[in-house]
Amino acid sequence: MLRQSRMFCHTQGMVQKIAVTLDQRTVEDLDRWVREGRYPNRSRALQSAVNLLSEREKRTRLARELAKIDPKEEMQLAEQGLGDLAWPAY
């Protein structure tokens, strides 16, 4: 559960402070990562996790869209734009 709070300026630009409810195991993992020096604090660890999920989602969406491309149709469209130049085989 996320609850909106206030916004303030941080070293990486504008950030928003929120309240987050997590299970005990997740909190223990966060605290361990901070103790081990992997992250300076819980906020940075959570931000990193969200960033990783966001990037994964973008790559997955791109892969789904690329899978829809028909190579023969793509080649035909490209050749139309090249005029007399030959399209290299791939």
PDB file of N, CA and C in Angstrom:
ATOM      1  N   MET A   1       0.841  -1.173   0.000  1.00  0.00           N
ATOM      2  CA  MET A   1       0.000   0.000   0.000  1.00  0.00           C
ATOM      3  C   MET A   1       0.886   1.237   0.000  1.00  0.00           C
ATOM      4  N   LEU A   2       0.617   2.172  -0.899  1.00  0.00           N
ATOM      5  CA  LEU A   2       1.388   3.402  -0.990  1.00  0.00           C
ATOM      6  C   LEU A   2       0.506   4.580  -0.608  1.00  0.00           C
ATOM      7  N   ARG A   3       1.073   5.518   0.139  1.00  0.00           N
ATOM      8  CA  ARG A   3       0.337   6.713   0.512  1.00  0.00           C
ATOM      9  C   ARG A   3       1.165   7.914   0.100  1.00  0.00           C
ATOM     10  N   GLN A   4       0.551   8.831  -0.632  1.00  0.00           N
ATOM     11  CA  GLN A   4       1.261  10.006  -1.106  1.00  0.00           C
ATOM     12  C   GLN A   4       1.574  10.937   0.059  1.00  0.00           C
ATOM     13  N   SER A   5       2.755  11.542   0.006  1.00  0.00           N
ATOM     14  CA  SER A   5       3.152  12.472   1.049  1.00  0.00           C
ATOM     15  C   SER A   5       3.627  13.765   0.399  1.00  0.00           C
ATOM     16  N   ARG A   6       4.728  14.309   0.850  1.00  0.00           N
ATOM     17  CA  ARG A   6       5.203  15.588   0.336  1.00  0.00           C
ATOM     18  C   ARG A   6       6.356  15.403  -0.635  1.00  0.00           C
ATOM     19  N   MET A   7       6.613  16.434  -1.441  1.00  0.00           N
ATOM     20  CA  MET A   7       7.714  16.397  -2.396  1.00  0.00           C
ATOM     21  C   MET A   7       8.820  17.320  -1.902  1.00  0.00           C
ATOM     22  N   PHE A   8      10.082  16.973  -2.218  1.00  0.00           N
ATOM     23  CA  PHE A   8      11.198  17.824  -1.863  1.00  0.00           C
ATOM     24  C   PHE A   8      12.340  17.570  -2.838  1.00  0.00           C
ATOM     25  N   CYS A   9      13.293  18.468  -2.839  1.00  0.00           N
ATOM     26  CA  CYS A   9      14.430  18.370  -3.752  1.00  0.00           C
ATOM     27  C   CYS A   9      15.498  17.482  -3.127  1.00  0.00           C
ATOM     28  N   HIS A  10      16.045  16.587  -3.915  1.00  0.00           N
ATOM     29  CA  HIS A  10      17.070  15.656  -3.470  1.00  0.00           C
ATOM     30  C   HIS A  10      18.251  15.810  -4.409  1.00  0.00           C
ATOM     31  N   THR A  11      19.336  15.132  -4.168  1.00  0.00           N
ATOM     32  CA  THR A  11      20.536  15.289  -4.996  1.00  0.00           C
ATOM     33  C   THR A  11      20.302  14.930  -6.453  1.00  0.00           C
ATOM     34  N   GLN A  12      19.340  14.054  -6.747  1.00  0.00           N
ATOM     35  CA  GLN A  12      19.099  13.650  -8.128  1.00  0.00           C
ATOM     36  C   GLN A  12      17.878  14.348  -8.712  1.00  0.00           C
ATOM     37  N   GLY A  13      17.474  15.474  -8.153  1.00  0.00           N
ATOM     38  CA  GLY A  13      16.326  16.199  -8.679  1.00  0.00           C
ATOM     39  C   GLY A  13      15.139  16.096  -7.744  1.00  0.00           C
ATOM     40  N   MET A  14      13.967  16.328  -8.295  1.00  0.00           N
ATOM     41  CA  MET A  14      12.759  16.329  -7.500  1.00  0.00           C
ATOM     42  C   MET A  14      12.334  14.899  -7.172  1.00  0.00           C
ATOM     43  N   VAL A  15      12.121  14.626  -5.912  1.00  0.00           N
ATOM     44  CA  VAL A  15      11.658  13.318  -5.471  1.00  0.00           C
ATOM     45  C   VAL A  15      10.421  13.511  -4.612  1.00  0.00           C
ATOM     46  N   GLN A  16       9.682  12.458  -4.443  1.00  0.00           N
ATOM     47  CA  GLN A  16       8.473  12.512  -3.633  1.00  0.00           C
ATOM     48  C   GLN A  16       8.578  11.498  -2.507  1.00  0.00           C
ATOM     49  N   LYS A  17       8.283  11.927  -1.325  1.00  0.00           N
ATOM     50  CA  LYS A  17       8.323  11.044  -0.168  1.00  0.00           C
ATOM     51  C   LYS A  17       6.965  10.354  -0.056  1.00  0.00           C
ATOM     52  N   ILE A  18       6.997   9.017   0.116  1.00  0.00           N
ATOM     53  CA  ILE A  18       5.770   8.233   0.242  1.00  0.00           C
ATOM     54  C   ILE A  18       5.908   7.264   1.406  1.00  0.00           C
ATOM     55  N   ALA A  19       4.783   6.783   1.874  1.00  0.00           N
ATOM     56  CA  ALA A  19       4.795   5.732   2.894  1.00  0.00           C
ATOM     57  C   ALA A  19       4.554   4.404   2.186  1.00  0.00           C
ATOM     58  N   VAL A  20       5.305   3.385   2.553  1.00  0.00           N
ATOM     59  CA  VAL A  20       5.198   2.079   1.919  1.00  0.00           C
ATOM     60  C   VAL A  20       5.023   1.023   2.995  1.00  0.00           C
ATOM     61  N   THR A  21       4.105   0.101   2.769  1.00  0.00           N
ATOM     62  CA  THR A  21       3.905  -1.010   3.693  1.00  0.00           C
ATOM     63  C   THR A  21       4.513  -2.260   3.061  1.00  0.00           C
ATOM     64  N   LEU A  22       5.459  -2.890   3.765  1.00  0.00           N
ATOM     65  CA  LEU A  22       6.157  -4.063   3.253  1.00  0.00           C
ATOM     66  C   LEU A  22       6.084  -5.192   4.269  1.00  0.00           C
ATOM     67  N   ASP A  23       6.207  -6.422   3.780  1.00  0.00           N
ATOM     68  CA  ASP A  23       6.237  -7.538   4.724  1.00  0.00           C
ATOM     69  C   ASP A  23       7.599  -7.579   5.423  1.00  0.00           C
ATOM     70  N   GLN A  24       7.664  -8.294   6.523  1.00  0.00           N
ATOM     71  CA  GLN A  24       8.855  -8.326   7.372  1.00  0.00           C
ATOM     72  C   GLN A  24      10.088  -8.823   6.618  1.00  0.00           C
ATOM     73  N   ARG A  25       9.910  -9.819   5.786  1.00  0.00           N
ATOM     74  CA  ARG A  25      11.055 -10.381   5.049  1.00  0.00           C
ATOM     75  C   ARG A  25      11.669  -9.330   4.117  1.00  0.00           C
ATOM     76  N   THR A  26      10.830  -8.548   3.455  1.00  0.00           N
ATOM     77  CA  THR A  26      11.329  -7.509   2.553  1.00  0.00           C
ATOM     78  C   THR A  26      12.096  -6.449   3.327  1.00  0.00           C
ATOM     79  N   VAL A  27      11.568  -6.040   4.474  1.00  0.00           N
ATOM     80  CA  VAL A  27      12.251  -5.050   5.310  1.00  0.00           C
ATOM     81  C   VAL A  27      13.601  -5.601   5.769  1.00  0.00           C
ATOM     82  N   GLU A  28      13.639  -6.868   6.144  1.00  0.00           N
ATOM     83  CA  GLU A  28      14.911  -7.479   6.560  1.00  0.00           C
ATOM     84  C   GLU A  28      15.915  -7.478   5.418  1.00  0.00           C
ATOM     85  N   ASP A  29      15.453  -7.773   4.204  1.00  0.00           N
ATOM     86  CA  ASP A  29      16.348  -7.727   3.040  1.00  0.00           C
ATOM     87  C   ASP A  29      16.872  -6.312   2.825  1.00  0.00           C
ATOM     88  N   LEU A  30      15.995  -5.326   2.887  1.00  0.00           N
ATOM     89  CA  LEU A  30      16.413  -3.931   2.719  1.00  0.00           C
ATOM     90  C   LEU A  30      17.475  -3.560   3.752  1.00  0.00           C
ATOM     91  N   ASP A  31      17.203  -3.890   5.000  1.00  0.00           N
ATOM     92  CA  ASP A  31      18.149  -3.557   6.068  1.00  0.00           C
ATOM     93  C   ASP A  31      19.485  -4.270   5.891  1.00  0.00           C
ATOM     94  N   ARG A  32      19.443  -5.510   5.440  1.00  0.00           N
ATOM     95  CA  ARG A  32      20.687  -6.255   5.201  1.00  0.00           C
ATOM     96  C   ARG A  32      21.496  -5.600   4.092  1.00  0.00           C
ATOM     97  N   TRP A  33      20.828  -5.195   2.999  1.00  0.00           N
ATOM     98  CA  TRP A  33      21.541  -4.543   1.894  1.00  0.00           C
ATOM     99  C   TRP A  33      22.180  -3.234   2.335  1.00  0.00           C
ATOM    100  N   VAL A  34      21.492  -2.506   3.208  1.00  0.00           N
ATOM    101  CA  VAL A  34      22.054  -1.258   3.727  1.00  0.00           C
ATOM    102  C   VAL A  34      23.245  -1.569   4.633  1.00  0.00           C
ATOM    103  N   ARG A  35      23.111  -2.547   5.533  1.00  0.00           N
ATOM    104  CA  ARG A  35      24.221  -2.939   6.411  1.00  0.00           C
ATOM    105  C   ARG A  35      25.444  -3.383   5.614  1.00  0.00           C
ATOM    106  N   GLU A  36      25.196  -4.137   4.526  1.00  0.00           N
ATOM    107  CA  GLU A  36      26.295  -4.630   3.687  1.00  0.00           C
ATOM    108  C   GLU A  36      26.910  -3.528   2.833  1.00  0.00           C
ATOM    109  N   GLY A  37      26.310  -2.355   2.833  1.00  0.00           N
ATOM    110  CA  GLY A  37      26.847  -1.237   2.053  1.00  0.00           C
ATOM    111  C   GLY A  37      26.433  -1.246   0.599  1.00  0.00           C
ATOM    112  N   ARG A  38      25.503  -2.103   0.245  1.00  0.00           N
ATOM    113  CA  ARG A  38      25.059  -2.149  -1.152  1.00  0.00           C
ATOM    114  C   ARG A  38      24.262  -0.901  -1.517  1.00  0.00           C
ATOM    115  N   TYR A  39      23.595  -0.317  -0.522  1.00  0.00           N
ATOM    116  CA  TYR A  39      22.819   0.912  -0.704  1.00  0.00           C
ATOM    117  C   TYR A  39      23.032   1.787   0.520  1.00  0.00           C
ATOM    118  N   PRO A  40      22.971   3.108   0.347  1.00  0.00           N
ATOM    119  CA  PRO A  40      23.179   3.986   1.498  1.00  0.00           C
ATOM    120  C   PRO A  40      21.995   3.998   2.466  1.00  0.00           C
ATOM    121  N   ASN A  41      20.797   3.661   1.968  1.00  0.00           N
ATOM    122  CA  ASN A  41      19.608   3.659   2.820  1.00  0.00           C
ATOM    123  C   ASN A  41      18.486   2.869   2.143  1.00  0.00           C
ATOM    124  N   ARG A  42      17.407   2.668   2.870  1.00  0.00           N
ATOM    125  CA  ARG A  42      16.276   1.905   2.338  1.00  0.00           C
ATOM    126  C   ARG A  42      15.674   2.566   1.102  1.00  0.00           C
ATOM    127  N   SER A  43      15.583   3.882   1.131  1.00  0.00           N
ATOM    128  CA  SER A  43      14.979   4.597  -0.003  1.00  0.00           C
ATOM    129  C   SER A  43      15.722   4.314  -1.303  1.00  0.00           C
ATOM    130  N   ARG A  44      17.052   4.365  -1.232  1.00  0.00           N
ATOM    131  CA  ARG A  44      17.841   4.107  -2.443  1.00  0.00           C
ATOM    132  C   ARG A  44      17.681   2.664  -2.913  1.00  0.00           C
ATOM    133  N   ALA A  45      17.578   1.733  -1.977  1.00  0.00           N
ATOM    134  CA  ALA A  45      17.386   0.328  -2.344  1.00  0.00           C
ATOM    135  C   ALA A  45      16.041   0.145  -3.048  1.00  0.00           C
ATOM    136  N   LEU A  46      14.996   0.747  -2.501  1.00  0.00           N
ATOM    137  CA  LEU A  46      13.676   0.652  -3.131  1.00  0.00           C
ATOM    138  C   LEU A  46      13.669   1.343  -4.488  1.00  0.00           C
ATOM    139  N   GLN A  47      14.319   2.506  -4.597  1.00  0.00           N
ATOM    140  CA  GLN A  47      14.383   3.208  -5.874  1.00  0.00           C
ATOM    141  C   GLN A  47      15.085   2.353  -6.924  1.00  0.00           C
ATOM    142  N   SER A  48      16.161   1.700  -6.518  1.00  0.00           N
ATOM    143  CA  SER A  48      16.882   0.825  -7.437  1.00  0.00           C
ATOM    144  C   SER A  48      16.000  -0.325  -7.912  1.00  0.00           C
ATOM    145  N   ALA A  49      15.246  -0.926  -7.000  1.00  0.00           N
ATOM    146  CA  ALA A  49      14.352  -2.030  -7.365  1.00  0.00           C
ATOM    147  C   ALA A  49      13.278  -1.566  -8.343  1.00  0.00           C
ATOM    148  N   VAL A  50      12.702  -0.410  -8.089  1.00  0.00           N
ATOM    149  CA  VAL A  50      11.676   0.121  -8.995  1.00  0.00           C
ATOM    150  C   VAL A  50      12.285   0.427 -10.361  1.00  0.00           C
ATOM    151  N   ASN A  51      13.472   1.007 -10.377  1.00  0.00           N
ATOM    152  CA  ASN A  51      14.146   1.297 -11.654  1.00  0.00           C
ATOM    153  C   ASN A  51      14.406   0.022 -12.449  1.00  0.00           C
ATOM    154  N   LEU A  52      14.864  -1.029 -11.766  1.00  0.00           N
ATOM    155  CA  LEU A  52      15.114  -2.301 -12.451  1.00  0.00           C
ATOM    156  C   LEU A  52      13.830  -2.874 -13.047  1.00  0.00           C
ATOM    157  N   LEU A  53      12.744  -2.846 -12.287  1.00  0.00           N
ATOM    158  CA  LEU A  53      11.469  -3.351 -12.796  1.00  0.00           C
ATOM    159  C   LEU A  53      10.972  -2.522 -13.968  1.00  0.00           C
ATOM    160  N   SER A  54      11.148  -1.224 -13.880  1.00  0.00           N
ATOM    161  CA  SER A  54      10.720  -0.340 -14.966  1.00  0.00           C
ATOM    162  C   SER A  54      11.496  -0.634 -16.252  1.00  0.00           C
ATOM    163  N   GLU A  55      12.822  -0.784 -16.147  1.00  0.00           N
ATOM    164  CA  GLU A  55      13.640  -1.097 -17.319  1.00  0.00           C
ATOM    165  C   GLU A  55      13.273  -2.463 -17.895  1.00  0.00           C
ATOM    166  N   ARG A  56      13.032  -3.448 -17.036  1.00  0.00           N
ATOM    167  CA  ARG A  56      12.637  -4.778 -17.493  1.00  0.00           C
ATOM    168  C   ARG A  56      11.316  -4.704 -18.262  1.00  0.00           C
ATOM    169  N   GLU A  57      10.382  -3.929 -17.745  1.00  0.00           N
ATOM    170  CA  GLU A  57       9.093  -3.775 -18.411  1.00  0.00           C
ATOM    171  C   GLU A  57       9.258  -3.140 -19.790  1.00  0.00           C
ATOM    172  N   LYS A  58      10.117  -2.137 -19.897  1.00  0.00           N
ATOM    173  CA  LYS A  58      10.364  -1.484 -21.187  1.00  0.00           C
ATOM    174  C   LYS A  58      10.970  -2.465 -22.187  1.00  0.00           C
ATOM    175  N   ARG A  59      11.959  -3.261 -21.736  1.00  0.00           N
ATOM    176  CA  ARG A  59      12.584  -4.241 -22.634  1.00  0.00           C
ATOM    177  C   ARG A  59      11.582  -5.303 -23.068  1.00  0.00           C
ATOM    178  N   THR A  60      10.738  -5.756 -22.156  1.00  0.00           N
ATOM    179  CA  THR A  60       9.743  -6.773 -22.469  1.00  0.00           C
ATOM    180  C   THR A  60       8.747  -6.238 -23.493  1.00  0.00           C
ATOM    181  N   ARG A  61       8.311  -5.004 -23.297  1.00  0.00           N
ATOM    182  CA  ARG A  61       7.372  -4.393 -24.233  1.00  0.00           C
ATOM    183  C   ARG A  61       8.015  -4.242 -25.610  1.00  0.00           C
ATOM    184  N   LEU A  62       9.268  -3.811 -25.656  1.00  0.00           N
ATOM    185  CA  LEU A  62       9.981  -3.673 -26.927  1.00  0.00           C
ATOM    186  C   LEU A  62      10.115  -5.021 -27.616  1.00  0.00           C
ATOM    187  N   ALA A  63      10.464  -6.056 -26.865  1.00  0.00           N
ATOM    188  CA  ALA A  63      10.606  -7.400 -27.437  1.00  0.00           C
ATOM    189  C   ALA A  63       9.285  -7.884 -28.020  1.00  0.00           C
ATOM    190  N   ARG A  64       8.178  -7.620 -27.318  1.00  0.00           N
ATOM    191  CA  ARG A  64       6.855  -8.019 -27.842  1.00  0.00           C
ATOM    192  C   ARG A  64       6.555  -7.310 -29.158  1.00  0.00           C
ATOM    193  N   GLU A  65       6.862  -6.019 -29.228  1.00  0.00           N
ATOM    194  CA  GLU A  65       6.597  -5.264 -30.449  1.00  0.00           C
ATOM    195  C   GLU A  65       7.521  -5.710 -31.582  1.00  0.00           C
ATOM    196  N   LEU A  66       8.782  -5.979 -31.288  1.00  0.00           N
ATOM    197  CA  LEU A  66       9.713  -6.442 -32.318  1.00  0.00           C
ATOM    198  C   LEU A  66       9.311  -7.804 -32.867  1.00  0.00           C
ATOM    199  N   ALA A  67       8.735  -8.644 -32.038  1.00  0.00           N
ATOM    200  CA  ALA A  67       8.307  -9.969 -32.479  1.00  0.00           C
ATOM    201  C   ALA A  67       7.165  -9.879 -33.490  1.00  0.00           C
ATOM    202  N   LYS A  68       6.462  -8.764 -33.519  1.00  0.00           N
ATOM    203  CA  LYS A  68       5.349  -8.581 -34.450  1.00  0.00           C
ATOM    204  C   LYS A  68       5.817  -8.215 -35.859  1.00  0.00           C
ATOM    205  N   ILE A  69       7.077  -7.840 -35.995  1.00  0.00           N
ATOM    206  CA  ILE A  69       7.589  -7.389 -37.288  1.00  0.00           C
ATOM    207  C   ILE A  69       7.767  -8.584 -38.219  1.00  0.00           C
ATOM    208  N   ASP A  70       7.253  -8.451 -39.421  1.00  0.00           N
ATOM    209  CA  ASP A  70       7.435  -9.462 -40.462  1.00  0.00           C
ATOM    210  C   ASP A  70       8.687  -9.078 -41.249  1.00  0.00           C
ATOM    211  N   PRO A  71       9.760  -9.880 -41.201  1.00  0.00           N
ATOM    212  CA  PRO A  71      11.013  -9.511 -41.873  1.00  0.00           C
ATOM    213  C   PRO A  71      10.848  -9.265 -43.372  1.00  0.00           C
ATOM    214  N   LYS A  72      10.014 -10.056 -44.051  1.00  0.00           N
ATOM    215  CA  LYS A  72       9.833  -9.868 -45.495  1.00  0.00           C
ATOM    216  C   LYS A  72       9.150  -8.532 -45.789  1.00  0.00           C
ATOM    217  N   GLU A  73       8.129  -8.217 -45.018  1.00  0.00           N
ATOM    218  CA  GLU A  73       7.430  -6.946 -45.208  1.00  0.00           C
ATOM    219  C   GLU A  73       8.358  -5.776 -44.883  1.00  0.00           C
ATOM    220  N   GLU A  74       9.144  -5.909 -43.850  1.00  0.00           N
ATOM    221  CA  GLU A  74      10.087  -4.868 -43.462  1.00  0.00           C
ATOM    222  C   GLU A  74      11.118  -4.638 -44.568  1.00  0.00           C
ATOM    223  N   MET A  75      11.595  -5.732 -45.182  1.00  0.00           N
ATOM    224  CA  MET A  75      12.557  -5.617 -46.266  1.00  0.00           C
ATOM    225  C   MET A  75      11.928  -4.910 -47.473  1.00  0.00           C
ATOM    226  N   GLN A  76      10.692  -5.264 -47.809  1.00  0.00           N
ATOM    227  CA  GLN A  76      10.005  -4.614 -48.921  1.00  0.00           C
ATOM    228  C   GLN A  76       9.876  -3.112 -48.688  1.00  0.00           C
ATOM    229  N   LEU A  77       9.495  -2.734 -47.490  1.00  0.00           N
ATOM    230  CA  LEU A  77       9.361  -1.313 -47.175  1.00  0.00           C
ATOM    231  C   LEU A  77      10.706  -0.613 -47.267  1.00  0.00           C
ATOM    232  N   ALA A  78      11.751  -1.252 -46.787  1.00  0.00           N
ATOM    233  CA  ALA A  78      13.076  -0.655 -46.826  1.00  0.00           C
ATOM    234  C   ALA A  78      13.570  -0.510 -48.260  1.00  0.00           C
ATOM    235  N   GLU A  79      13.335  -1.503 -49.090  1.00  0.00           N
ATOM    236  CA  GLU A  79      13.774  -1.445 -50.481  1.00  0.00           C
ATOM    237  C   GLU A  79      13.055  -0.356 -51.248  1.00  0.00           C
ATOM    238  N   GLN A  80      11.815  -0.114 -50.934  1.00  0.00           N
ATOM    239  CA  GLN A  80      11.076   0.960 -51.590  1.00  0.00           C
ATOM    240  C   GLN A  80      11.736   2.305 -51.315  1.00  0.00           C
ATOM    241  N   GLY A  81      12.284   2.460 -50.138  1.00  0.00           N
ATOM    242  CA  GLY A  81      12.935   3.704 -49.768  1.00  0.00           C
ATOM    243  C   GLY A  81      14.338   3.837 -50.317  1.00  0.00           C
ATOM    244  N   LEU A  82      14.957   2.736 -50.768  1.00  0.00           N
ATOM    245  CA  LEU A  82      16.328   2.769 -51.267  1.00  0.00           C
ATOM    246  C   LEU A  82      16.420   3.073 -52.755  1.00  0.00           C
ATOM    247  N   GLY A  83      15.348   2.976 -53.479  1.00  0.00           N
ATOM    248  CA  GLY A  83      15.394   3.233 -54.917  1.00  0.00           C
ATOM    249  C   GLY A  83      16.178   2.147 -55.626  1.00  0.00           C
ATOM    250  N   ASP A  84      17.241   2.530 -56.344  1.00  0.00           N
ATOM    251  CA  ASP A  84      18.031   1.582 -57.121  1.00  0.00           C
ATOM    252  C   ASP A  84      19.071   0.824 -56.291  1.00  0.00           C
ATOM    253  N   LEU A  85      19.286   1.257 -55.072  1.00  0.00           N
ATOM    254  CA  LEU A  85      20.304   0.592 -54.255  1.00  0.00           C
ATOM    255  C   LEU A  85      19.768  -0.759 -53.770  1.00  0.00           C
ATOM    256  N   ALA A  86      20.627  -1.762 -53.767  1.00  0.00           N
ATOM    257  CA  ALA A  86      20.221  -3.092 -53.328  1.00  0.00           C
ATOM    258  C   ALA A  86      20.253  -3.172 -51.795  1.00  0.00           C
ATOM    259  N   TRP A  87      19.334  -3.906 -51.259  1.00  0.00           N
ATOM    260  CA  TRP A  87      19.268  -4.137 -49.811  1.00  0.00           C
ATOM    261  C   TRP A  87      20.195  -5.290 -49.465  1.00  0.00           C
ATOM    262  N   PRO A  88      21.082  -5.122 -48.497  1.00  0.00           N
ATOM    263  CA  PRO A  88      21.992  -6.220 -48.151  1.00  0.00           C
ATOM    264  C   PRO A  88      21.224  -7.410 -47.547  1.00  0.00           C
ATOM    265  N   ALA A  89      21.673  -8.618 -47.856  1.00  0.00           N
ATOM    266  CA  ALA A  89      21.042  -9.815 -47.323  1.00  0.00           C
ATOM    267  C   ALA A  89      21.298  -9.906 -45.823  1.00  0.00           C
ATOM    268  N   TYR A  90      20.305 -10.375 -45.100  1.00  0.00           N
ATOM    269  CA  TYR A  90      20.495 -10.617 -43.664  1.00  0.00           C
ATOM    270  C   TYR A  90      19.806 -11.864 -43.238  1.00  0.00           C
TER     271      TYR A  90
END
